[in-house]
PDB file of N, CA and C in Angstrom:
ATOM      1  N   MET A   1      69.496 114.049 145.629  1.00  0.00           N
ATOM      2  CA  MET A   1      69.143 113.231 144.398  1.00  0.00           C
ATOM      3  C   MET A   1      69.844 113.422 143.222  1.00  0.00           C
ATOM      4  N   SER A   2      70.726 112.331 142.979  1.00  0.00           N
ATOM      5  CA  SER A   2      71.618 112.481 141.783  1.00  0.00           C
ATOM      6  C   SER A   2      70.823 112.351 140.593  1.00  0.00           C
ATOM      7  N   LYS A   3      71.643 112.763 139.499  1.00  0.00           N
ATOM      8  CA  LYS A   3      70.918 112.765 138.101  1.00  0.00           C
ATOM      9  C   LYS A   3      71.677 111.851 137.206  1.00  0.00           C
ATOM     10  N   ASN A   4      71.061 111.489 135.925  1.00  0.00           N
ATOM     11  CA  ASN A   4      71.639 110.869 134.940  1.00  0.00           C
ATOM     12  C   ASN A   4      71.769 111.645 133.818  1.00  0.00           C
ATOM     13  N   ILE A   5      72.607 111.244 132.885  1.00  0.00           N
ATOM     14  CA  ILE A   5      72.953 111.909 131.541  1.00  0.00           C
ATOM     15  C   ILE A   5      72.811 110.813 130.617  1.00  0.00           C
ATOM     16  N   GLU A   6      72.223 111.021 129.291  1.00  0.00           N
ATOM     17  CA  GLU A   6      72.094 110.065 128.530  1.00  0.00           C
ATOM     18  C   GLU A   6      72.558 110.920 127.175  1.00  0.00           C
ATOM     19  N   GLN A   7      73.419 110.545 126.208  1.00  0.00           N
ATOM     20  CA  GLN A   7      73.700 111.090 125.052  1.00  0.00           C
ATOM     21  C   GLN A   7      74.084 110.254 123.951  1.00  0.00           C
ATOM     22  N   THR A   8      73.648 110.429 122.811  1.00  0.00           N
ATOM     23  CA  THR A   8      74.070 109.406 121.614  1.00  0.00           C
ATOM     24  C   THR A   8      74.832 110.417 120.471  1.00  0.00           C
ATOM     25  N   VAL A   9      75.912 109.882 120.283  1.00  0.00           N
ATOM     26  CA  VAL A   9      76.800 110.474 119.202  1.00  0.00           C
ATOM     27  C   VAL A   9      77.235 109.598 118.048  1.00  0.00           C
ATOM     28  N   ILE A  10      77.212 110.195 116.728  1.00  0.00           N
ATOM     29  CA  ILE A  10      77.737 109.451 115.690  1.00  0.00           C
ATOM     30  C   ILE A  10      79.127 109.878 115.340  1.00  0.00           C
ATOM     31  N   ILE A  11      79.895 108.814 115.281  1.00  0.00           N
ATOM     32  CA  ILE A  11      81.481 109.143 115.013  1.00  0.00           C
ATOM     33  C   ILE A  11      81.881 108.346 113.779  1.00  0.00           C
ATOM     34  N   LYS A  12      82.416 109.063 112.726  1.00  0.00           N
ATOM     35  CA  LYS A  12      82.709 108.569 111.513  1.00  0.00           C
ATOM     36  C   LYS A  12      84.051 107.616 111.659  1.00  0.00           C
ATOM     37  N   ALA A  13      84.095 106.606 112.351  1.00  0.00           N
ATOM     38  CA  ALA A  13      85.340 105.805 112.473  1.00  0.00           C
ATOM     39  C   ALA A  13      84.580 104.361 112.986  1.00  0.00           C
ATOM     40  N   SER A  14      85.378 103.387 112.722  1.00  0.00           N
ATOM     41  CA  SER A  14      85.073 102.104 113.232  1.00  0.00           C
ATOM     42  C   SER A  14      84.885 102.008 114.627  1.00  0.00           C
ATOM     43  N   ALA A  15      84.207 100.991 115.183  1.00  0.00           N
ATOM     44  CA  ALA A  15      83.866 100.894 116.692  1.00  0.00           C
ATOM     45  C   ALA A  15      85.327 100.453 117.444  1.00  0.00           C
ATOM     46  N   HIS A  16      86.173  99.689 116.627  1.00  0.00           N
ATOM     47  CA  HIS A  16      87.409  99.356 117.097  1.00  0.00           C
ATOM     48  C   HIS A  16      88.332 100.799 117.478  1.00  0.00           C
ATOM     49  N   ASP A  17      88.227 101.646 116.419  1.00  0.00           N
ATOM     50  CA  ASP A  17      89.076 102.945 116.603  1.00  0.00           C
ATOM     51  C   ASP A  17      88.491 103.671 117.585  1.00  0.00           C
ATOM     52  N   VAL A  18      87.137 103.725 117.766  1.00  0.00           N
ATOM     53  CA  VAL A  18      86.634 104.663 118.770  1.00  0.00           C
ATOM     54  C   VAL A  18      87.027 104.163 120.304  1.00  0.00           C
ATOM     55  N   TYR A  19      86.837 102.595 120.310  1.00  0.00           N
ATOM     56  CA  TYR A  19      87.196 101.918 121.591  1.00  0.00           C
ATOM     57  C   TYR A  19      88.490 102.307 122.027  1.00  0.00           C
ATOM     58  N   GLU A  20      89.460 102.175 120.914  1.00  0.00           N
ATOM     59  CA  GLU A  20      90.895 102.474 121.087  1.00  0.00           C
ATOM     60  C   GLU A  20      91.277 103.843 121.582  1.00  0.00           C
ATOM     61  N   ALA A  21      90.620 104.816 120.921  1.00  0.00           N
ATOM     62  CA  ALA A  21      90.723 106.175 121.332  1.00  0.00           C
ATOM     63  C   ALA A  21      90.225 106.592 122.798  1.00  0.00           C
ATOM     64  N   LEU A  22      89.070 105.682 123.193  1.00  0.00           N
ATOM     65  CA  LEU A  22      88.872 106.023 124.573  1.00  0.00           C
ATOM     66  C   LEU A  22      89.731 105.285 125.528  1.00  0.00           C
ATOM     67  N   MET A  23      90.301 104.130 125.280  1.00  0.00           N
ATOM     68  CA  MET A  23      90.899 103.193 126.070  1.00  0.00           C
ATOM     69  C   MET A  23      92.472 103.356 126.095  1.00  0.00           C
ATOM     70  N   ASP A  24      93.174 103.820 124.995  1.00  0.00           N
ATOM     71  CA  ASP A  24      94.449 103.924 124.861  1.00  0.00           C
ATOM     72  C   ASP A  24      94.936 105.200 125.408  1.00  0.00           C
ATOM     73  N   SER A  25      95.837 105.170 126.433  1.00  0.00           N
ATOM     74  CA  SER A  25      96.140 106.400 127.041  1.00  0.00           C
ATOM     75  C   SER A  25      96.758 107.434 126.126  1.00  0.00           C
ATOM     76  N   LYS A  26      97.642 107.167 125.152  1.00  0.00           N
ATOM     77  CA  LYS A  26      98.178 107.962 124.237  1.00  0.00           C
ATOM     78  C   LYS A  26      97.179 108.608 123.333  1.00  0.00           C
ATOM     79  N   LYS A  27      96.294 107.689 122.760  1.00  0.00           N
ATOM     80  CA  LYS A  27      95.286 108.291 121.754  1.00  0.00           C
ATOM     81  C   LYS A  27      94.331 109.180 122.664  1.00  0.00           C
ATOM     82  N   HIS A  28      93.923 108.801 123.871  1.00  0.00           N
ATOM     83  CA  HIS A  28      93.028 109.718 124.528  1.00  0.00           C
ATOM     84  C   HIS A  28      93.632 110.949 124.806  1.00  0.00           C
ATOM     85  N   ALA A  29      94.866 111.123 125.026  1.00  0.00           N
ATOM     86  CA  ALA A  29      95.661 112.197 125.490  1.00  0.00           C
ATOM     87  C   ALA A  29      95.777 112.941 124.099  1.00  0.00           C
ATOM     88  N   GLU A  30      95.707 112.444 122.968  1.00  0.00           N
ATOM     89  CA  GLU A  30      95.768 113.153 121.645  1.00  0.00           C
ATOM     90  C   GLU A  30      94.569 113.696 121.418  1.00  0.00           C
ATOM     91  N   PHE A  31      93.459 113.145 121.491  1.00  0.00           N
ATOM     92  CA  PHE A  31      92.203 113.790 121.190  1.00  0.00           C
ATOM     93  C   PHE A  31      91.606 114.745 122.145  1.00  0.00           C
ATOM     94  N   THR A  32      91.905 114.506 123.426  1.00  0.00           N
ATOM     95  CA  THR A  32      91.498 115.563 124.445  1.00  0.00           C
ATOM     96  C   THR A  32      92.415 116.556 124.680  1.00  0.00           C
ATOM     97  N   ASP A  33      93.793 116.418 124.273  1.00  0.00           N
ATOM     98  CA  ASP A  33      94.806 117.367 124.510  1.00  0.00           C
ATOM     99  C   ASP A  33      95.089 117.592 125.932  1.00  0.00           C
ATOM    100  N   ALA A  34      95.001 116.581 126.764  1.00  0.00           N
ATOM    101  CA  ALA A  34      95.226 116.400 128.058  1.00  0.00           C
ATOM    102  C   ALA A  34      95.766 114.968 128.464  1.00  0.00           C
ATOM    103  N   GLU A  35      96.679 114.986 129.562  1.00  0.00           N
ATOM    104  CA  GLU A  35      97.266 113.994 130.082  1.00  0.00           C
ATOM    105  C   GLU A  35      96.234 112.762 130.399  1.00  0.00           C
ATOM    106  N   ALA A  36      96.414 111.544 130.032  1.00  0.00           N
ATOM    107  CA  ALA A  36      95.561 110.381 130.467  1.00  0.00           C
ATOM    108  C   ALA A  36      96.431 109.195 130.615  1.00  0.00           C
ATOM    109  N   LYS A  37      95.887 108.570 131.697  1.00  0.00           N
ATOM    110  CA  LYS A  37      96.656 107.372 132.176  1.00  0.00           C
ATOM    111  C   LYS A  37      95.404 106.257 132.234  1.00  0.00           C
ATOM    112  N   ILE A  38      95.303 105.363 131.337  1.00  0.00           N
ATOM    113  CA  ILE A  38      94.032 104.424 131.332  1.00  0.00           C
ATOM    114  C   ILE A  38      94.419 102.986 131.387  1.00  0.00           C
ATOM    115  N   SER A  39      94.177 102.196 132.372  1.00  0.00           N
ATOM    116  CA  SER A  39      94.420 100.722 132.327  1.00  0.00           C
ATOM    117  C   SER A  39      93.438 100.267 131.341  1.00  0.00           C
ATOM    118  N   ARG A  40      93.857  98.970 130.900  1.00  0.00           N
ATOM    119  CA  ARG A  40      92.977  98.310 129.841  1.00  0.00           C
ATOM    120  C   ARG A  40      92.470  97.050 130.704  1.00  0.00           C
ATOM    121  N   GLU A  41      92.554  96.978 131.904  1.00  0.00           N
ATOM    122  CA  GLU A  41      92.079  95.807 132.702  1.00  0.00           C
ATOM    123  C   GLU A  41      90.867  96.068 133.488  1.00  0.00           C
ATOM    124  N   VAL A  42      89.918  95.305 133.541  1.00  0.00           N
ATOM    125  CA  VAL A  42      88.913  95.545 134.722  1.00  0.00           C
ATOM    126  C   VAL A  42      89.396  95.629 135.848  1.00  0.00           C
ATOM    127  N   GLY A  43      88.988  96.568 136.713  1.00  0.00           N
ATOM    128  CA  GLY A  43      89.679  96.725 137.980  1.00  0.00           C
ATOM    129  C   GLY A  43      90.675  97.715 137.845  1.00  0.00           C
ATOM    130  N   GLY A  44      91.328  97.822 136.775  1.00  0.00           N
ATOM    131  CA  GLY A  44      92.503  98.829 136.638  1.00  0.00           C
ATOM    132  C   GLY A  44      91.971 100.476 136.662  1.00  0.00           C
ATOM    133  N   LYS A  45      92.875 101.286 137.097  1.00  0.00           N
ATOM    134  CA  LYS A  45      92.616 102.802 137.409  1.00  0.00           C
ATOM    135  C   LYS A  45      92.787 103.389 136.103  1.00  0.00           C
ATOM    136  N   ILE A  46      91.845 104.585 136.052  1.00  0.00           N
ATOM    137  CA  ILE A  46      91.869 105.478 135.016  1.00  0.00           C
ATOM    138  C   ILE A  46      92.119 106.829 135.673  1.00  0.00           C
ATOM    139  N   GLN A  47      92.831 107.522 134.785  1.00  0.00           N
ATOM    140  CA  GLN A  47      92.856 109.083 135.085  1.00  0.00           C
ATOM    141  C   GLN A  47      92.701 109.807 133.616  1.00  0.00           C
ATOM    142  N   ALA A  48      92.104 111.055 133.822  1.00  0.00           N
ATOM    143  CA  ALA A  48      91.906 111.781 132.414  1.00  0.00           C
ATOM    144  C   ALA A  48      91.927 113.203 132.762  1.00  0.00           C
ATOM    145  N   TRP A  49      92.335 114.022 131.671  1.00  0.00           N
ATOM    146  CA  TRP A  49      92.338 115.344 131.877  1.00  0.00           C
ATOM    147  C   TRP A  49      93.251 115.916 133.165  1.00  0.00           C
ATOM    148  N   GLY A  50      94.368 115.346 133.253  1.00  0.00           N
ATOM    149  CA  GLY A  50      95.355 115.461 134.163  1.00  0.00           C
ATOM    150  C   GLY A  50      94.871 114.754 135.288  1.00  0.00           C
ATOM    151  N   ASP A  51      94.708 115.379 136.487  1.00  0.00           N
ATOM    152  CA  ASP A  51      94.071 114.694 137.551  1.00  0.00           C
ATOM    153  C   ASP A  51      92.636 115.138 138.121  1.00  0.00           C
ATOM    154  N   TYR A  52      91.981 115.592 136.889  1.00  0.00           N
ATOM    155  CA  TYR A  52      90.569 115.977 137.093  1.00  0.00           C
ATOM    156  C   TYR A  52      89.708 114.877 137.246  1.00  0.00           C
ATOM    157  N   ILE A  53      89.835 113.767 136.399  1.00  0.00           N
ATOM    158  CA  ILE A  53      89.057 112.630 136.422  1.00  0.00           C
ATOM    159  C   ILE A  53      89.681 111.526 136.884  1.00  0.00           C
ATOM    160  N   GLU A  54      89.182 110.720 137.668  1.00  0.00           N
ATOM    161  CA  GLU A  54      89.812 109.534 138.142  1.00  0.00           C
ATOM    162  C   GLU A  54      88.736 108.463 138.373  1.00  0.00           C
ATOM    163  N   GLY A  55      89.053 107.214 138.321  1.00  0.00           N
ATOM    164  CA  GLY A  55      88.197 106.192 138.459  1.00  0.00           C
ATOM    165  C   GLY A  55      88.632 104.799 138.174  1.00  0.00           C
ATOM    166  N   GLU A  56      87.928 103.848 137.632  1.00  0.00           N
ATOM    167  CA  GLU A  56      88.034 102.401 137.603  1.00  0.00           C
ATOM    168  C   GLU A  56      87.296 101.782 136.551  1.00  0.00           C
ATOM    169  N   ASN A  57      88.004 100.875 135.850  1.00  0.00           N
ATOM    170  CA  ASN A  57      87.227 100.259 134.844  1.00  0.00           C
ATOM    171  C   ASN A  57      86.431  98.984 135.477  1.00  0.00           C
ATOM    172  N   LEU A  58      85.173  98.988 135.271  1.00  0.00           N
ATOM    173  CA  LEU A  58      84.239  97.986 135.861  1.00  0.00           C
ATOM    174  C   LEU A  58      83.758  96.905 134.943  1.00  0.00           C
ATOM    175  N   GLU A  59      83.755  97.203 133.544  1.00  0.00           N
ATOM    176  CA  GLU A  59      83.500  96.312 132.519  1.00  0.00           C
ATOM    177  C   GLU A  59      84.117  96.635 131.151  1.00  0.00           C
ATOM    178  N   LEU A  60      84.876  95.741 130.607  1.00  0.00           N
ATOM    179  CA  LEU A  60      85.375  95.967 129.183  1.00  0.00           C
ATOM    180  C   LEU A  60      84.878  94.829 128.277  1.00  0.00           C
ATOM    181  N   VAL A  61      84.394  95.299 127.196  1.00  0.00           N
ATOM    182  CA  VAL A  61      84.057  94.389 126.094  1.00  0.00           C
ATOM    183  C   VAL A  61      84.586  95.046 124.868  1.00  0.00           C
ATOM    184  N   PRO A  62      85.689  94.657 124.447  1.00  0.00           N
ATOM    185  CA  PRO A  62      86.529  95.347 123.328  1.00  0.00           C
ATOM    186  C   PRO A  62      85.573  95.769 122.149  1.00  0.00           C
ATOM    187  N   ASP A  63      85.683  96.798 121.564  1.00  0.00           N
ATOM    188  CA  ASP A  63      85.013  97.405 120.570  1.00  0.00           C
ATOM    189  C   ASP A  63      83.566  97.485 120.710  1.00  0.00           C
ATOM    190  N   LYS A  64      83.100  97.304 121.885  1.00  0.00           N
ATOM    191  CA  LYS A  64      81.668  97.273 122.134  1.00  0.00           C
ATOM    192  C   LYS A  64      81.155  98.151 123.307  1.00  0.00           C
ATOM    193  N   LYS A  65      81.823  97.912 124.290  1.00  0.00           N
ATOM    194  CA  LYS A  65      81.429  98.470 125.760  1.00  0.00           C
ATOM    195  C   LYS A  65      82.404  98.817 126.656  1.00  0.00           C
ATOM    196  N   ILE A  66      82.376  99.920 127.401  1.00  0.00           N
ATOM    197  CA  ILE A  66      83.253 100.363 128.468  1.00  0.00           C
ATOM    198  C   ILE A  66      82.325 100.782 129.471  1.00  0.00           C
ATOM    199  N   VAL A  67      82.735 100.123 130.762  1.00  0.00           N
ATOM    200  CA  VAL A  67      81.646 100.900 131.892  1.00  0.00           C
ATOM    201  C   VAL A  67      82.851 101.055 132.884  1.00  0.00           C
ATOM    202  N   GLN A  68      82.740 102.339 133.559  1.00  0.00           N
ATOM    203  CA  GLN A  68      83.772 102.859 134.251  1.00  0.00           C
ATOM    204  C   GLN A  68      83.207 103.637 135.668  1.00  0.00           C
ATOM    205  N   LYS A  69      83.789 103.238 136.752  1.00  0.00           N
ATOM    206  CA  LYS A  69      83.469 104.311 137.979  1.00  0.00           C
ATOM    207  C   LYS A  69      84.362 105.407 137.827  1.00  0.00           C
ATOM    208  N   TRP A  70      83.619 106.583 137.760  1.00  0.00           N
ATOM    209  CA  TRP A  70      84.219 108.037 137.465  1.00  0.00           C
ATOM    210  C   TRP A  70      83.786 108.992 138.586  1.00  0.00           C
ATOM    211  N   ARG A  71      84.691 109.982 138.664  1.00  0.00           N
ATOM    212  CA  ARG A  71      84.431 111.025 139.424  1.00  0.00           C
ATOM    213  C   ARG A  71      85.271 112.247 138.992  1.00  0.00           C
ATOM    214  N   ALA A  72      84.966 113.407 139.347  1.00  0.00           N
ATOM    215  CA  ALA A  72      85.694 114.510 139.112  1.00  0.00           C
ATOM    216  C   ALA A  72      86.255 115.101 140.380  1.00  0.00           C
ATOM    217  N   SER A  73      87.569 115.559 140.157  1.00  0.00           N
ATOM    218  CA  SER A  73      88.158 116.171 141.565  1.00  0.00           C
ATOM    219  C   SER A  73      87.392 117.041 142.313  1.00  0.00           C
ATOM    220  N   ASP A  74      86.658 117.824 141.724  1.00  0.00           N
ATOM    221  CA  ASP A  74      85.646 119.018 142.452  1.00  0.00           C
ATOM    222  C   ASP A  74      84.365 118.390 142.982  1.00  0.00           C
ATOM    223  N   TRP A  75      84.101 117.076 142.912  1.00  0.00           N
ATOM    224  CA  TRP A  75      82.871 116.564 143.375  1.00  0.00           C
ATOM    225  C   TRP A  75      83.009 116.345 144.829  1.00  0.00           C
ATOM    226  N   PRO A  76      81.932 115.999 145.659  1.00  0.00           N
ATOM    227  CA  PRO A  76      82.088 115.777 146.990  1.00  0.00           C
ATOM    228  C   PRO A  76      82.977 114.479 147.283  1.00  0.00           C
ATOM    229  N   ASN A  77      83.771 114.395 148.348  1.00  0.00           N
ATOM    230  CA  ASN A  77      84.570 113.378 148.468  1.00  0.00           C
ATOM    231  C   ASN A  77      83.773 111.919 148.619  1.00  0.00           C
ATOM    232  N   GLY A  78      84.200 111.040 147.883  1.00  0.00           N
ATOM    233  CA  GLY A  78      83.852 109.841 147.672  1.00  0.00           C
ATOM    234  C   GLY A  78      82.886 109.593 146.960  1.00  0.00           C
ATOM    235  N   HIS A  79      82.241 110.523 146.204  1.00  0.00           N
ATOM    236  CA  HIS A  79      80.981 110.575 145.238  1.00  0.00           C
ATOM    237  C   HIS A  79      81.495 110.003 143.972  1.00  0.00           C
ATOM    238  N   TYR A  80      81.038 108.848 143.398  1.00  0.00           N
ATOM    239  CA  TYR A  80      81.419 108.437 142.257  1.00  0.00           C
ATOM    240  C   TYR A  80      80.079 108.190 141.150  1.00  0.00           C
ATOM    241  N   SER A  81      80.234 108.384 139.988  1.00  0.00           N
ATOM    242  CA  SER A  81      79.166 108.078 139.098  1.00  0.00           C
ATOM    243  C   SER A  81      79.693 106.837 138.161  1.00  0.00           C
ATOM    244  N   THR A  82      78.836 106.168 137.399  1.00  0.00           N
ATOM    245  CA  THR A  82      79.118 105.160 136.534  1.00  0.00           C
ATOM    246  C   THR A  82      78.950 105.689 135.022  1.00  0.00           C
ATOM    247  N   VAL A  83      80.062 105.448 134.164  1.00  0.00           N
ATOM    248  CA  VAL A  83      79.703 105.784 132.978  1.00  0.00           C
ATOM    249  C   VAL A  83      79.812 104.661 132.082  1.00  0.00           C
ATOM    250  N   THR A  84      78.872 104.588 130.908  1.00  0.00           N
ATOM    251  CA  THR A  84      78.771 103.560 130.187  1.00  0.00           C
ATOM    252  C   THR A  84      78.918 104.039 128.717  1.00  0.00           C
ATOM    253  N   PHE A  85      79.785 103.545 127.756  1.00  0.00           N
ATOM    254  CA  PHE A  85      80.136 103.793 126.294  1.00  0.00           C
ATOM    255  C   PHE A  85      79.598 102.540 125.727  1.00  0.00           C
ATOM    256  N   ALA A  86      78.718 102.552 124.945  1.00  0.00           N
ATOM    257  CA  ALA A  86      78.193 101.460 124.303  1.00  0.00           C
ATOM    258  C   ALA A  86      78.283 101.746 122.828  1.00  0.00           C
ATOM    259  N   LEU A  87      79.058 100.894 122.114  1.00  0.00           N
ATOM    260  CA  LEU A  87      79.439 101.088 120.771  1.00  0.00           C
ATOM    261  C   LEU A  87      78.781 100.069 119.836  1.00  0.00           C
ATOM    262  N   ALA A  88      78.207 100.654 118.776  1.00  0.00           N
ATOM    263  CA  ALA A  88      77.510  99.917 117.400  1.00  0.00           C
ATOM    264  C   ALA A  88      78.083 100.521 116.308  1.00  0.00           C
ATOM    265  N   GLU A  89      78.639  99.696 115.531  1.00  0.00           N
ATOM    266  CA  GLU A  89      79.074 100.008 114.141  1.00  0.00           C
ATOM    267  C   GLU A  89      78.259  99.846 113.120  1.00  0.00           C
ATOM    268  N   LYS A  90      78.008 100.735 112.291  1.00  0.00           N
ATOM    269  CA  LYS A  90      77.129 100.496 111.121  1.00  0.00           C
ATOM    270  C   LYS A  90      77.478 101.264 110.131  1.00  0.00           C
ATOM    271  N   ASP A  91      77.520 100.811 108.944  1.00  0.00           N
ATOM    272  CA  ASP A  91      77.670 101.718 107.602  1.00  0.00           C
ATOM    273  C   ASP A  91      79.054 102.577 107.847  1.00  0.00           C
ATOM    274  N   GLY A  92      80.049 101.934 108.401  1.00  0.00           N
ATOM    275  CA  GLY A  92      81.453 102.645 108.465  1.00  0.00           C
ATOM    276  C   GLY A  92      81.521 103.717 109.474  1.00  0.00           C
ATOM    277  N   GLN A  93      80.614 103.783 110.326  1.00  0.00           N
ATOM    278  CA  GLN A  93      80.600 104.695 111.465  1.00  0.00           C
ATOM    279  C   GLN A  93      79.907 104.083 112.850  1.00  0.00           C
ATOM    280  N   THR A  94      80.161 104.697 113.813  1.00  0.00           N
ATOM    281  CA  THR A  94      79.980 104.180 115.064  1.00  0.00           C
ATOM    282  C   THR A  94      78.899 105.113 115.727  1.00  0.00           C
ATOM    283  N   GLU A  95      77.800 104.413 116.364  1.00  0.00           N
ATOM    284  CA  GLU A  95      76.891 105.098 117.019  1.00  0.00           C
ATOM    285  C   GLU A  95      77.540 104.727 118.551  1.00  0.00           C
ATOM    286  N   LEU A  96      77.676 105.865 119.358  1.00  0.00           N
ATOM    287  CA  LEU A  96      78.006 105.637 120.662  1.00  0.00           C
ATOM    288  C   LEU A  96      76.864 106.217 121.488  1.00  0.00           C
ATOM    289  N   LYS A  97      76.409 105.213 122.431  1.00  0.00           N
ATOM    290  CA  LYS A  97      75.297 105.601 123.146  1.00  0.00           C
ATOM    291  C   LYS A  97      76.124 105.685 124.704  1.00  0.00           C
ATOM    292  N   PHE A  98      76.126 106.948 125.320  1.00  0.00           N
ATOM    293  CA  PHE A  98      76.838 107.300 126.562  1.00  0.00           C
ATOM    294  C   PHE A  98      75.862 107.436 127.545  1.00  0.00           C
ATOM    295  N   THR A  99      75.955 106.860 128.700  1.00  0.00           N
ATOM    296  CA  THR A  99      75.131 107.215 129.795  1.00  0.00           C
ATOM    297  C   THR A  99      75.900 107.538 131.144  1.00  0.00           C
ATOM    298  N   GLN A 100      75.649 108.320 131.847  1.00  0.00           N
ATOM    299  CA  GLN A 100      76.338 108.537 133.092  1.00  0.00           C
ATOM    300  C   GLN A 100      75.372 108.664 134.313  1.00  0.00           C
ATOM    301  N   GLU A 101      75.456 107.826 135.160  1.00  0.00           N
ATOM    302  CA  GLU A 101      74.449 107.697 136.433  1.00  0.00           C
ATOM    303  C   GLU A 101      74.972 108.138 137.496  1.00  0.00           C
ATOM    304  N   ASN A 102      74.129 108.956 138.476  1.00  0.00           N
ATOM    305  CA  ASN A 102      74.759 109.102 139.619  1.00  0.00           C
ATOM    306  C   ASN A 102      75.649 110.414 139.620  1.00  0.00           C
ATOM    307  N   VAL A 103      75.191 111.323 138.791  1.00  0.00           N
ATOM    308  CA  VAL A 103      75.821 112.630 138.769  1.00  0.00           C
ATOM    309  C   VAL A 103      75.397 113.668 139.624  1.00  0.00           C
ATOM    310  N   PRO A 104      76.074 114.364 140.535  1.00  0.00           N
ATOM    311  CA  PRO A 104      75.633 115.243 141.648  1.00  0.00           C
ATOM    312  C   PRO A 104      74.731 116.295 140.893  1.00  0.00           C
ATOM    313  N   PRO A 105      73.491 116.579 141.432  1.00  0.00           N
ATOM    314  CA  PRO A 105      72.473 117.297 140.871  1.00  0.00           C
ATOM    315  C   PRO A 105      72.782 118.634 140.316  1.00  0.00           C
ATOM    316  N   ASP A 106      73.764 119.459 140.968  1.00  0.00           N
ATOM    317  CA  ASP A 106      74.269 120.548 140.661  1.00  0.00           C
ATOM    318  C   ASP A 106      75.136 120.600 139.755  1.00  0.00           C
ATOM    319  N   GLU A 107      75.666 119.473 139.226  1.00  0.00           N
ATOM    320  CA  GLU A 107      76.768 119.295 138.283  1.00  0.00           C
ATOM    321  C   GLU A 107      76.260 118.768 136.898  1.00  0.00           C
ATOM    322  N   LYS A 108      74.957 118.310 136.913  1.00  0.00           N
ATOM    323  CA  LYS A 108      74.675 117.714 135.516  1.00  0.00           C
ATOM    324  C   LYS A 108      74.646 118.448 134.478  1.00  0.00           C
ATOM    325  N   GLU A 109      73.995 119.758 134.458  1.00  0.00           N
ATOM    326  CA  GLU A 109      74.100 120.635 133.097  1.00  0.00           C
ATOM    327  C   GLU A 109      75.613 120.954 132.729  1.00  0.00           C
ATOM    328  N   ALA A 110      76.616 121.341 133.549  1.00  0.00           N
ATOM    329  CA  ALA A 110      78.028 121.318 133.228  1.00  0.00           C
ATOM    330  C   ALA A 110      78.649 120.386 132.637  1.00  0.00           C
ATOM    331  N   ILE A 111      78.357 118.963 133.313  1.00  0.00           N
ATOM    332  CA  ILE A 111      79.038 117.621 132.934  1.00  0.00           C
ATOM    333  C   ILE A 111      78.502 117.374 131.645  1.00  0.00           C
ATOM    334  N   ALA A 112      77.114 117.469 131.398  1.00  0.00           N
ATOM    335  CA  ALA A 112      76.593 116.966 129.937  1.00  0.00           C
ATOM    336  C   ALA A 112      77.257 117.944 128.940  1.00  0.00           C
ATOM    337  N   GLU A 113      77.348 119.408 129.267  1.00  0.00           N
ATOM    338  CA  GLU A 113      78.093 119.977 128.147  1.00  0.00           C
ATOM    339  C   GLU A 113      79.422 119.751 128.151  1.00  0.00           C
ATOM    340  N   GLY A 114      80.049 119.477 129.111  1.00  0.00           N
ATOM    341  CA  GLY A 114      81.344 118.940 129.095  1.00  0.00           C
ATOM    342  C   GLY A 114      81.681 117.753 128.342  1.00  0.00           C
ATOM    343  N   TRP A 115      80.810 116.757 128.354  1.00  0.00           N
ATOM    344  CA  TRP A 115      80.910 115.527 127.439  1.00  0.00           C
ATOM    345  C   TRP A 115      80.984 116.099 126.015  1.00  0.00           C
ATOM    346  N   GLU A 116      79.954 116.887 125.597  1.00  0.00           N
ATOM    347  CA  GLU A 116      79.873 117.600 124.267  1.00  0.00           C
ATOM    348  C   GLU A 116      81.283 118.194 123.859  1.00  0.00           C
ATOM    349  N   ASP A 117      81.579 119.136 124.650  1.00  0.00           N
ATOM    350  CA  ASP A 117      82.731 120.158 124.309  1.00  0.00           C
ATOM    351  C   ASP A 117      83.962 119.586 124.508  1.00  0.00           C
ATOM    352  N   TYR A 118      84.223 118.508 125.341  1.00  0.00           N
ATOM    353  CA  TYR A 118      85.529 117.990 125.686  1.00  0.00           C
ATOM    354  C   TYR A 118      85.742 116.492 125.357  1.00  0.00           C
ATOM    355  N   TYR A 119      84.716 115.972 124.676  1.00  0.00           N
ATOM    356  CA  TYR A 119      84.870 114.463 124.278  1.00  0.00           C
ATOM    357  C   TYR A 119      84.221 114.347 122.905  1.00  0.00           C
ATOM    358  N   TRP A 120      82.993 114.503 122.855  1.00  0.00           N
ATOM    359  CA  TRP A 120      82.348 114.223 121.373  1.00  0.00           C
ATOM    360  C   TRP A 120      83.110 115.060 120.152  1.00  0.00           C
ATOM    361  N   LYS A 121      83.203 116.449 120.407  1.00  0.00           N
ATOM    362  CA  LYS A 121      83.497 117.415 119.188  1.00  0.00           C
ATOM    363  C   LYS A 121      85.006 116.876 119.058  1.00  0.00           C
ATOM    364  N   PRO A 122      85.850 116.925 120.070  1.00  0.00           N
ATOM    365  CA  PRO A 122      87.231 116.561 119.868  1.00  0.00           C
ATOM    366  C   PRO A 122      87.550 115.187 119.201  1.00  0.00           C
ATOM    367  N   LEU A 123      86.676 114.095 119.594  1.00  0.00           N
ATOM    368  CA  LEU A 123      86.617 112.750 119.103  1.00  0.00           C
ATOM    369  C   LEU A 123      86.357 112.894 117.702  1.00  0.00           C
ATOM    370  N   LYS A 124      85.397 113.503 117.149  1.00  0.00           N
ATOM    371  CA  LYS A 124      84.882 113.646 115.878  1.00  0.00           C
ATOM    372  C   LYS A 124      86.041 114.385 114.976  1.00  0.00           C
ATOM    373  N   GLU A 125      86.572 115.360 115.536  1.00  0.00           N
ATOM    374  CA  GLU A 125      87.664 116.177 114.765  1.00  0.00           C
ATOM    375  C   GLU A 125      89.019 115.108 114.701  1.00  0.00           C
ATOM    376  N   TYR A 126      89.182 114.368 115.881  1.00  0.00           N
ATOM    377  CA  TYR A 126      90.217 113.376 115.804  1.00  0.00           C
ATOM    378  C   TYR A 126      90.342 112.330 114.662  1.00  0.00           C
ATOM    379  N   PHE A 127      89.127 111.916 114.416  1.00  0.00           N
ATOM    380  CA  PHE A 127      88.774 110.986 113.196  1.00  0.00           C
ATOM    381  C   PHE A 127      88.909 111.599 111.848  1.00  0.00           C
ATOM    382  N   LYS A 128      88.787 112.982 111.798  1.00  0.00           N
ATOM    383  CA  LYS A 128      88.842 113.702 110.579  1.00  0.00           C
ATOM    384  C   LYS A 128      90.377 113.755 109.807  1.00  0.00           C
ATOM    385  N   LYS A 129      91.258 113.461 110.714  1.00  0.00           N
ATOM    386  CA  LYS A 129      92.626 113.639 110.516  1.00  0.00           C
ATOM    387  C   LYS A 129      93.150 112.652 109.610  1.00  0.00           C
TER     388      LYS A 129
END
């Protein structure tokens, strides 16, 4: 039985800037401090945190939504989750609603903490610069 993760974070930046930080390989690498190769095309491959995360873009709506097929290298072979970043700009900041479906059950807690520690906190810091 796979698990789902749902998180909401407020980032003090425009939806465009948040989208670019997530989708631009150079900016993604800057805020995570780890290598990233991210295609900007639907069907294109993604790689983040060196070779720890790999996947594919399923749906891209610039400045509004990113849906990706995603897996960690230490997950069971062939097991993918679906991550969705939904962006809504309001009053000069962005509400990012994040969901990750089909997470291996024994990984849910660590993955949920990982999004907080390795994505949301560094992303907020990135935009304070």
